[in-house]
Amino acid sequence: MSDNKQKFAFDKTNFILLAIGMAVVILGFLLMTGPASSITHFEPDIFSVRRIKVAPAVCLFGFLFMIYAVVRHPKKTKKNNLDE
């Protein structure tokens, strides 16, 4: 009987890391949201530190974390000789 886990390039940990990275990216995009300026009203919040510096840094960290999750190799388990 063959082990099905050897057929996949990713293991459970890779998928969990991808989900965490995606959640961090979504958090970064949510940090970018806020009130918009219009023709009659200027909103100075569009130049806030949260929207200009913090949110893009959070998104970058999330994308880098997702790249790590894709590049990470699953650890190989040792087979017991009795199982063969």
PDB file of N, CA and C in Angstrom:
ATOM      1  N   MET A   1       0.845  -1.173   0.000  1.00  0.00           N
ATOM      2  CA  MET A   1       0.000   0.000   0.000  1.00  0.00           C
ATOM      3  C   MET A   1       0.893   1.239   0.000  1.00  0.00           C
ATOM      4  N   SER A   2       0.676   2.157  -0.926  1.00  0.00           N
ATOM      5  CA  SER A   2       1.534   3.335  -1.022  1.00  0.00           C
ATOM      6  C   SER A   2       1.013   4.447  -0.124  1.00  0.00           C
ATOM      7  N   ASP A   3       1.934   5.310   0.255  1.00  0.00           N
ATOM      8  CA  ASP A   3       1.602   6.440   1.118  1.00  0.00           C
ATOM      9  C   ASP A   3       1.155   7.619   0.255  1.00  0.00           C
ATOM     10  N   ASN A   4      -0.084   8.085   0.419  1.00  0.00           N
ATOM     11  CA  ASN A   4      -0.616   9.170  -0.401  1.00  0.00           C
ATOM     12  C   ASN A   4       0.039  10.513  -0.105  1.00  0.00           C
ATOM     13  N   LYS A   5       0.622  10.684   1.068  1.00  0.00           N
ATOM     14  CA  LYS A   5       1.240  11.963   1.408  1.00  0.00           C
ATOM     15  C   LYS A   5       2.451  12.257   0.533  1.00  0.00           C
ATOM     16  N   GLN A   6       3.095  11.264  -0.004  1.00  0.00           N
ATOM     17  CA  GLN A   6       4.273  11.473  -0.837  1.00  0.00           C
ATOM     18  C   GLN A   6       3.917  12.021  -2.218  1.00  0.00           C
ATOM     19  N   LYS A   7       2.677  11.951  -2.621  1.00  0.00           N
ATOM     20  CA  LYS A   7       2.269  12.415  -3.943  1.00  0.00           C
ATOM     21  C   LYS A   7       2.061  13.924  -3.994  1.00  0.00           C
ATOM     22  N   PHE A   8       1.857  14.571  -2.875  1.00  0.00           N
ATOM     23  CA  PHE A   8       1.590  15.993  -2.852  1.00  0.00           C
ATOM     24  C   PHE A   8       2.878  16.791  -2.658  1.00  0.00           C
ATOM     25  N   ALA A   9       2.954  17.938  -3.310  1.00  0.00           N
ATOM     26  CA  ALA A   9       4.119  18.801  -3.142  1.00  0.00           C
ATOM     27  C   ALA A   9       4.050  19.546  -1.815  1.00  0.00           C
ATOM     28  N   PHE A  10       2.832  19.825  -1.343  1.00  0.00           N
ATOM     29  CA  PHE A  10       2.638  20.544  -0.077  1.00  0.00           C
ATOM     30  C   PHE A  10       2.102  19.587   0.964  1.00  0.00           C
ATOM     31  N   ASP A  11       2.428  19.886   2.211  1.00  0.00           N
ATOM     32  CA  ASP A  11       1.812  19.149   3.301  1.00  0.00           C
ATOM     33  C   ASP A  11       0.847  20.089   4.028  1.00  0.00           C
ATOM     34  N   LYS A  12       0.297  19.609   5.113  1.00  0.00           N
ATOM     35  CA  LYS A  12      -0.702  20.390   5.859  1.00  0.00           C
ATOM     36  C   LYS A  12      -0.114  21.706   6.362  1.00  0.00           C
ATOM     37  N   THR A  13       1.137  21.689   6.770  1.00  0.00           N
ATOM     38  CA  THR A  13       1.777  22.899   7.293  1.00  0.00           C
ATOM     39  C   THR A  13       1.902  23.966   6.212  1.00  0.00           C
ATOM     40  N   ASN A  14       2.217  23.563   4.981  1.00  0.00           N
ATOM     41  CA  ASN A  14       2.302  24.526   3.887  1.00  0.00           C
ATOM     42  C   ASN A  14       0.969  25.247   3.674  1.00  0.00           C
ATOM     43  N   PHE A  15      -0.111  24.492   3.696  1.00  0.00           N
ATOM     44  CA  PHE A  15      -1.426  25.104   3.496  1.00  0.00           C
ATOM     45  C   PHE A  15      -1.801  26.029   4.653  1.00  0.00           C
ATOM     46  N   ILE A  16      -1.437  25.653   5.857  1.00  0.00           N
ATOM     47  CA  ILE A  16      -1.706  26.522   7.012  1.00  0.00           C
ATOM     48  C   ILE A  16      -0.910  27.814   6.896  1.00  0.00           C
ATOM     49  N   LEU A  17       0.364  27.712   6.499  1.00  0.00           N
ATOM     50  CA  LEU A  17       1.190  28.909   6.321  1.00  0.00           C
ATOM     51  C   LEU A  17       0.653  29.789   5.203  1.00  0.00           C
ATOM     52  N   LEU A  18       0.171  29.196   4.128  1.00  0.00           N
ATOM     53  CA  LEU A  18      -0.444  29.972   3.046  1.00  0.00           C
ATOM     54  C   LEU A  18      -1.684  30.710   3.531  1.00  0.00           C
ATOM     55  N   ALA A  19      -2.499  30.046   4.327  1.00  0.00           N
ATOM     56  CA  ALA A  19      -3.713  30.686   4.850  1.00  0.00           C
ATOM     57  C   ALA A  19      -3.354  31.850   5.780  1.00  0.00           C
ATOM     58  N   ILE A  20      -2.330  31.659   6.606  1.00  0.00           N
ATOM     59  CA  ILE A  20      -1.904  32.743   7.501  1.00  0.00           C
ATOM     60  C   ILE A  20      -1.380  33.920   6.682  1.00  0.00           C
ATOM     61  N   GLY A  21      -0.584  33.636   5.663  1.00  0.00           N
ATOM     62  CA  GLY A  21      -0.071  34.699   4.801  1.00  0.00           C
ATOM     63  C   GLY A  21      -1.185  35.458   4.106  1.00  0.00           C
ATOM     64  N   MET A  22      -2.189  34.731   3.620  1.00  0.00           N
ATOM     65  CA  MET A  22      -3.318  35.383   2.963  1.00  0.00           C
ATOM     66  C   MET A  22      -4.102  36.250   3.945  1.00  0.00           C
ATOM     67  N   ALA A  23      -4.260  35.779   5.172  1.00  0.00           N
ATOM     68  CA  ALA A  23      -4.957  36.574   6.188  1.00  0.00           C
ATOM     69  C   ALA A  23      -4.188  37.854   6.494  1.00  0.00           C
ATOM     70  N   VAL A  24      -2.865  37.787   6.531  1.00  0.00           N
ATOM     71  CA  VAL A  24      -2.052  38.979   6.788  1.00  0.00           C
ATOM     72  C   VAL A  24      -2.173  39.966   5.630  1.00  0.00           C
ATOM     73  N   VAL A  25      -2.198  39.461   4.392  1.00  0.00           N
ATOM     74  CA  VAL A  25      -2.362  40.340   3.231  1.00  0.00           C
ATOM     75  C   VAL A  25      -3.730  41.018   3.272  1.00  0.00           C
ATOM     76  N   ILE A  26      -4.761  40.266   3.596  1.00  0.00           N
ATOM     77  CA  ILE A  26      -6.106  40.847   3.697  1.00  0.00           C
ATOM     78  C   ILE A  26      -6.146  41.898   4.800  1.00  0.00           C
ATOM     79  N   LEU A  27      -5.490  41.635   5.921  1.00  0.00           N
ATOM     80  CA  LEU A  27      -5.410  42.626   7.000  1.00  0.00           C
ATOM     81  C   LEU A  27      -4.728  43.899   6.510  1.00  0.00           C
ATOM     82  N   GLY A  28      -3.660  43.753   5.728  1.00  0.00           N
ATOM     83  CA  GLY A  28      -2.977  44.925   5.184  1.00  0.00           C
ATOM     84  C   GLY A  28      -3.883  45.746   4.278  1.00  0.00           C
ATOM     85  N   PHE A  29      -4.654  45.068   3.436  1.00  0.00           N
ATOM     86  CA  PHE A  29      -5.576  45.798   2.570  1.00  0.00           C
ATOM     87  C   PHE A  29      -6.685  46.474   3.378  1.00  0.00           C
ATOM     88  N   LEU A  30      -7.137  45.831   4.442  1.00  0.00           N
ATOM     89  CA  LEU A  30      -8.144  46.470   5.293  1.00  0.00           C
ATOM     90  C   LEU A  30      -7.581  47.690   6.001  1.00  0.00           C
ATOM     91  N   LEU A  31      -6.300  47.648   6.351  1.00  0.00           N
ATOM     92  CA  LEU A  31      -5.674  48.817   6.977  1.00  0.00           C
ATOM     93  C   LEU A  31      -5.581  49.993   6.007  1.00  0.00           C
ATOM     94  N   MET A  32      -5.564  49.721   4.714  1.00  0.00           N
ATOM     95  CA  MET A  32      -5.502  50.793   3.715  1.00  0.00           C
ATOM     96  C   MET A  32      -6.834  51.495   3.513  1.00  0.00           C
ATOM     97  N   THR A  33      -7.917  50.885   3.947  1.00  0.00           N
ATOM     98  CA  THR A  33      -9.227  51.490   3.693  1.00  0.00           C
ATOM     99  C   THR A  33      -9.468  52.678   4.607  1.00  0.00           C
ATOM    100  N   GLY A  34     -10.376  53.507   4.199  1.00  0.00           N
ATOM    101  CA  GLY A  34     -10.739  54.681   4.980  1.00  0.00           C
ATOM    102  C   GLY A  34     -11.538  55.649   4.135  1.00  0.00           C
ATOM    103  N   PRO A  35     -11.845  56.793   4.699  1.00  0.00           N
ATOM    104  CA  PRO A  35     -12.640  57.769   3.947  1.00  0.00           C
ATOM    105  C   PRO A  35     -11.857  58.322   2.752  1.00  0.00           C
ATOM    106  N   ALA A  36     -12.574  58.583   1.687  1.00  0.00           N
ATOM    107  CA  ALA A  36     -11.960  59.108   0.469  1.00  0.00           C
ATOM    108  C   ALA A  36     -12.238  60.595   0.335  1.00  0.00           C
ATOM    109  N   SER A  37     -11.399  61.271  -0.412  1.00  0.00           N
ATOM    110  CA  SER A  37     -11.629  62.683  -0.714  1.00  0.00           C
ATOM    111  C   SER A  37     -12.622  62.795  -1.868  1.00  0.00           C
ATOM    112  N   SER A  38     -13.330  63.900  -1.901  1.00  0.00           N
ATOM    113  CA  SER A  38     -14.250  64.165  -3.004  1.00  0.00           C
ATOM    114  C   SER A  38     -13.885  65.511  -3.620  1.00  0.00           C
ATOM    115  N   ILE A  39     -14.635  65.918  -4.604  1.00  0.00           N
ATOM    116  CA  ILE A  39     -14.362  67.192  -5.270  1.00  0.00           C
ATOM    117  C   ILE A  39     -14.584  68.359  -4.310  1.00  0.00           C
ATOM    118  N   THR A  40     -15.575  68.258  -3.441  1.00  0.00           N
ATOM    119  CA  THR A  40     -15.901  69.363  -2.533  1.00  0.00           C
ATOM    120  C   THR A  40     -15.219  69.251  -1.175  1.00  0.00           C
ATOM    121  N   HIS A  41     -14.709  68.088  -0.831  1.00  0.00           N
ATOM    122  CA  HIS A  41     -14.128  67.892   0.508  1.00  0.00           C
ATOM    123  C   HIS A  41     -12.807  67.131   0.410  1.00  0.00           C
ATOM    124  N   PHE A  42     -11.746  67.719   1.002  1.00  0.00           N
ATOM    125  CA  PHE A  42     -10.443  67.052   1.049  1.00  0.00           C
ATOM    126  C   PHE A  42     -10.335  66.289   2.366  1.00  0.00           C
ATOM    127  N   GLU A  43      -9.986  65.041   2.279  1.00  0.00           N
ATOM    128  CA  GLU A  43      -9.824  64.199   3.466  1.00  0.00           C
ATOM    129  C   GLU A  43      -8.320  63.994   3.721  1.00  0.00           C
ATOM    130  N   PRO A  44      -7.781  64.623   4.766  1.00  0.00           N
ATOM    131  CA  PRO A  44      -6.334  64.485   5.020  1.00  0.00           C
ATOM    132  C   PRO A  44      -5.935  63.088   5.501  1.00  0.00           C
ATOM    133  N   ASP A  45      -6.904  62.248   5.858  1.00  0.00           N
ATOM    134  CA  ASP A  45      -6.601  60.901   6.338  1.00  0.00           C
ATOM    135  C   ASP A  45      -5.998  60.015   5.247  1.00  0.00           C
ATOM    136  N   ILE A  46      -6.110  60.423   3.983  1.00  0.00           N
ATOM    137  CA  ILE A  46      -5.530  59.595   2.924  1.00  0.00           C
ATOM    138  C   ILE A  46      -4.008  59.585   3.002  1.00  0.00           C
ATOM    139  N   PHE A  47      -3.411  60.519   3.706  1.00  0.00           N
ATOM    140  CA  PHE A  47      -1.963  60.568   3.868  1.00  0.00           C
ATOM    141  C   PHE A  47      -1.526  60.150   5.274  1.00  0.00           C
ATOM    142  N   SER A  48      -2.369  59.384   5.974  1.00  0.00           N
ATOM    143  CA  SER A  48      -2.008  58.959   7.328  1.00  0.00           C
ATOM    144  C   SER A  48      -0.909  57.898   7.275  1.00  0.00           C
ATOM    145  N   VAL A  49      -0.189  57.779   8.375  1.00  0.00           N
ATOM    146  CA  VAL A  49       0.908  56.813   8.472  1.00  0.00           C
ATOM    147  C   VAL A  49       0.377  55.391   8.305  1.00  0.00           C
ATOM    148  N   ARG A  50      -0.802  55.140   8.836  1.00  0.00           N
ATOM    149  CA  ARG A  50      -1.395  53.799   8.731  1.00  0.00           C
ATOM    150  C   ARG A  50      -1.607  53.407   7.281  1.00  0.00           C
ATOM    151  N   ARG A  51      -2.100  54.320   6.460  1.00  0.00           N
ATOM    152  CA  ARG A  51      -2.432  53.997   5.077  1.00  0.00           C
ATOM    153  C   ARG A  51      -1.230  54.074   4.138  1.00  0.00           C
ATOM    154  N   ILE A  52      -0.226  54.861   4.481  1.00  0.00           N
ATOM    155  CA  ILE A  52       0.920  55.062   3.594  1.00  0.00           C
ATOM    156  C   ILE A  52       2.088  54.140   3.929  1.00  0.00           C
ATOM    157  N   LYS A  53       2.303  53.858   5.217  1.00  0.00           N
ATOM    158  CA  LYS A  53       3.491  53.092   5.610  1.00  0.00           C
ATOM    159  C   LYS A  53       3.170  51.737   6.243  1.00  0.00           C
ATOM    160  N   VAL A  54       2.247  51.711   7.180  1.00  0.00           N
ATOM    161  CA  VAL A  54       1.988  50.476   7.934  1.00  0.00           C
ATOM    162  C   VAL A  54       1.315  49.428   7.059  1.00  0.00           C
ATOM    163  N   ALA A  55       0.250  49.796   6.377  1.00  0.00           N
ATOM    164  CA  ALA A  55      -0.509  48.829   5.577  1.00  0.00           C
ATOM    165  C   ALA A  55       0.321  48.213   4.449  1.00  0.00           C
ATOM    166  N   PRO A  56       1.076  48.988   3.678  1.00  0.00           N
ATOM    167  CA  PRO A  56       1.914  48.334   2.655  1.00  0.00           C
ATOM    168  C   PRO A  56       2.989  47.422   3.251  1.00  0.00           C
ATOM    169  N   ALA A  57       3.525  47.781   4.408  1.00  0.00           N
ATOM    170  CA  ALA A  57       4.514  46.915   5.057  1.00  0.00           C
ATOM    171  C   ALA A  57       3.878  45.607   5.508  1.00  0.00           C
ATOM    172  N   VAL A  58       2.654  45.669   6.021  1.00  0.00           N
ATOM    173  CA  VAL A  58       1.937  44.460   6.433  1.00  0.00           C
ATOM    174  C   VAL A  58       1.655  43.580   5.218  1.00  0.00           C
ATOM    175  N   CYS A  59       1.238  44.179   4.112  1.00  0.00           N
ATOM    176  CA  CYS A  59       0.986  43.416   2.884  1.00  0.00           C
ATOM    177  C   CYS A  59       2.274  42.769   2.378  1.00  0.00           C
ATOM    178  N   LEU A  60       3.365  43.508   2.383  1.00  0.00           N
ATOM    179  CA  LEU A  60       4.644  42.957   1.934  1.00  0.00           C
ATOM    180  C   LEU A  60       5.047  41.768   2.798  1.00  0.00           C
ATOM    181  N   PHE A  61       4.906  41.897   4.112  1.00  0.00           N
ATOM    182  CA  PHE A  61       5.227  40.788   5.007  1.00  0.00           C
ATOM    183  C   PHE A  61       4.350  39.581   4.701  1.00  0.00           C
ATOM    184  N   GLY A  62       3.066  39.816   4.438  1.00  0.00           N
ATOM    185  CA  GLY A  62       2.164  38.713   4.107  1.00  0.00           C
ATOM    186  C   GLY A  62       2.550  38.014   2.817  1.00  0.00           C
ATOM    187  N   PHE A  63       2.923  38.794   1.782  1.00  0.00           N
ATOM    188  CA  PHE A  63       3.351  38.191   0.516  1.00  0.00           C
ATOM    189  C   PHE A  63       4.656  37.418   0.692  1.00  0.00           C
ATOM    190  N   LEU A  64       5.591  37.952   1.455  1.00  0.00           N
ATOM    191  CA  LEU A  64       6.848  37.236   1.707  1.00  0.00           C
ATOM    192  C   LEU A  64       6.594  35.944   2.483  1.00  0.00           C
ATOM    193  N   PHE A  65       5.662  36.003   3.424  1.00  0.00           N
ATOM    194  CA  PHE A  65       5.305  34.813   4.199  1.00  0.00           C
ATOM    195  C   PHE A  65       4.683  33.753   3.296  1.00  0.00           C
ATOM    196  N   MET A  66       3.871  34.177   2.330  1.00  0.00           N
ATOM    197  CA  MET A  66       3.266  33.239   1.392  1.00  0.00           C
ATOM    198  C   MET A  66       4.325  32.626   0.477  1.00  0.00           C
ATOM    199  N   ILE A  67       5.310  33.410   0.078  1.00  0.00           N
ATOM    200  CA  ILE A  67       6.397  32.865  -0.735  1.00  0.00           C
ATOM    201  C   ILE A  67       7.161  31.813   0.055  1.00  0.00           C
ATOM    202  N   TYR A  68       7.416  32.094   1.334  1.00  0.00           N
ATOM    203  CA  TYR A  68       8.085  31.103   2.179  1.00  0.00           C
ATOM    204  C   TYR A  68       7.252  29.829   2.277  1.00  0.00           C
ATOM    205  N   ALA A  69       5.939  29.975   2.391  1.00  0.00           N
ATOM    206  CA  ALA A  69       5.069  28.800   2.510  1.00  0.00           C
ATOM    207  C   ALA A  69       5.118  27.944   1.245  1.00  0.00           C
ATOM    208  N   VAL A  70       5.287  28.576   0.093  1.00  0.00           N
ATOM    209  CA  VAL A  70       5.350  27.830  -1.157  1.00  0.00           C
ATOM    210  C   VAL A  70       6.717  27.158  -1.313  1.00  0.00           C
ATOM    211  N   VAL A  71       7.776  27.848  -0.921  1.00  0.00           N
ATOM    212  CA  VAL A  71       9.134  27.340  -1.111  1.00  0.00           C
ATOM    213  C   VAL A  71       9.494  26.278  -0.072  1.00  0.00           C
ATOM    214  N   ARG A  72       8.854  26.297   1.075  1.00  0.00           N
ATOM    215  CA  ARG A  72       9.171  25.371   2.159  1.00  0.00           C
ATOM    216  C   ARG A  72       8.955  23.921   1.729  1.00  0.00           C
ATOM    217  N   HIS A  73       9.952  23.094   1.992  1.00  0.00           N
ATOM    218  CA  HIS A  73       9.849  21.670   1.672  1.00  0.00           C
ATOM    219  C   HIS A  73       9.255  20.927   2.856  1.00  0.00           C
ATOM    220  N   PRO A  74       8.306  20.050   2.602  1.00  0.00           N
ATOM    221  CA  PRO A  74       7.760  19.250   3.706  1.00  0.00           C
ATOM    222  C   PRO A  74       8.819  18.312   4.260  1.00  0.00           C
ATOM    223  N   LYS A  75       8.774  18.120   5.551  1.00  0.00           N
ATOM    224  CA  LYS A  75       9.720  17.203   6.179  1.00  0.00           C
ATOM    225  C   LYS A  75       9.317  15.775   5.848  1.00  0.00           C
ATOM    226  N   LYS A  76      10.296  14.960   5.523  1.00  0.00           N
ATOM    227  CA  LYS A  76      10.020  13.561   5.199  1.00  0.00           C
ATOM    228  C   LYS A  76       9.997  12.755   6.484  1.00  0.00           C
ATOM    229  N   THR A  77       9.017  11.885   6.569  1.00  0.00           N
ATOM    230  CA  THR A  77       8.901  11.044   7.751  1.00  0.00           C
ATOM    231  C   THR A  77       9.711   9.782   7.557  1.00  0.00           C
ATOM    232  N   LYS A  78      10.263   9.285   8.635  1.00  0.00           N
ATOM    233  CA  LYS A  78      11.033   8.044   8.577  1.00  0.00           C
ATOM    234  C   LYS A  78      10.056   6.876   8.555  1.00  0.00           C
ATOM    235  N   LYS A  79      10.274   5.952   7.634  1.00  0.00           N
ATOM    236  CA  LYS A  79       9.428   4.771   7.549  1.00  0.00           C
ATOM    237  C   LYS A  79       9.981   3.676   8.445  1.00  0.00           C
ATOM    238  N   ASN A  80       9.071   2.976   9.048  1.00  0.00           N
ATOM    239  CA  ASN A  80       9.462   1.833   9.856  1.00  0.00           C
ATOM    240  C   ASN A  80       9.611   0.626   8.928  1.00  0.00           C
ATOM    241  N   ASN A  81      10.631  -0.149   9.121  1.00  0.00           N
ATOM    242  CA  ASN A  81      10.889  -1.293   8.247  1.00  0.00           C
ATOM    243  C   ASN A  81       9.785  -2.349   8.333  1.00  0.00           C
ATOM    244  N   LEU A  82       9.035  -2.373   9.414  1.00  0.00           N
ATOM    245  CA  LEU A  82       7.952  -3.350   9.561  1.00  0.00           C
ATOM    246  C   LEU A  82       6.747  -2.998   8.694  1.00  0.00           C
ATOM    247  N   ASP A  83       6.606  -1.732   8.306  1.00  0.00           N
ATOM    248  CA  ASP A  83       5.464  -1.293   7.511  1.00  0.00           C
ATOM    249  C   ASP A  83       5.570  -1.682   6.043  1.00  0.00           C
ATOM    250  N   GLU A  84       6.728  -2.042   5.571  1.00  0.00           N
ATOM    251  CA  GLU A  84       6.931  -2.314   4.142  1.00  0.00           C
ATOM    252  C   GLU A  84       6.359  -3.599   3.725  1.00  0.00           C
TER     253      GLU A  84
END
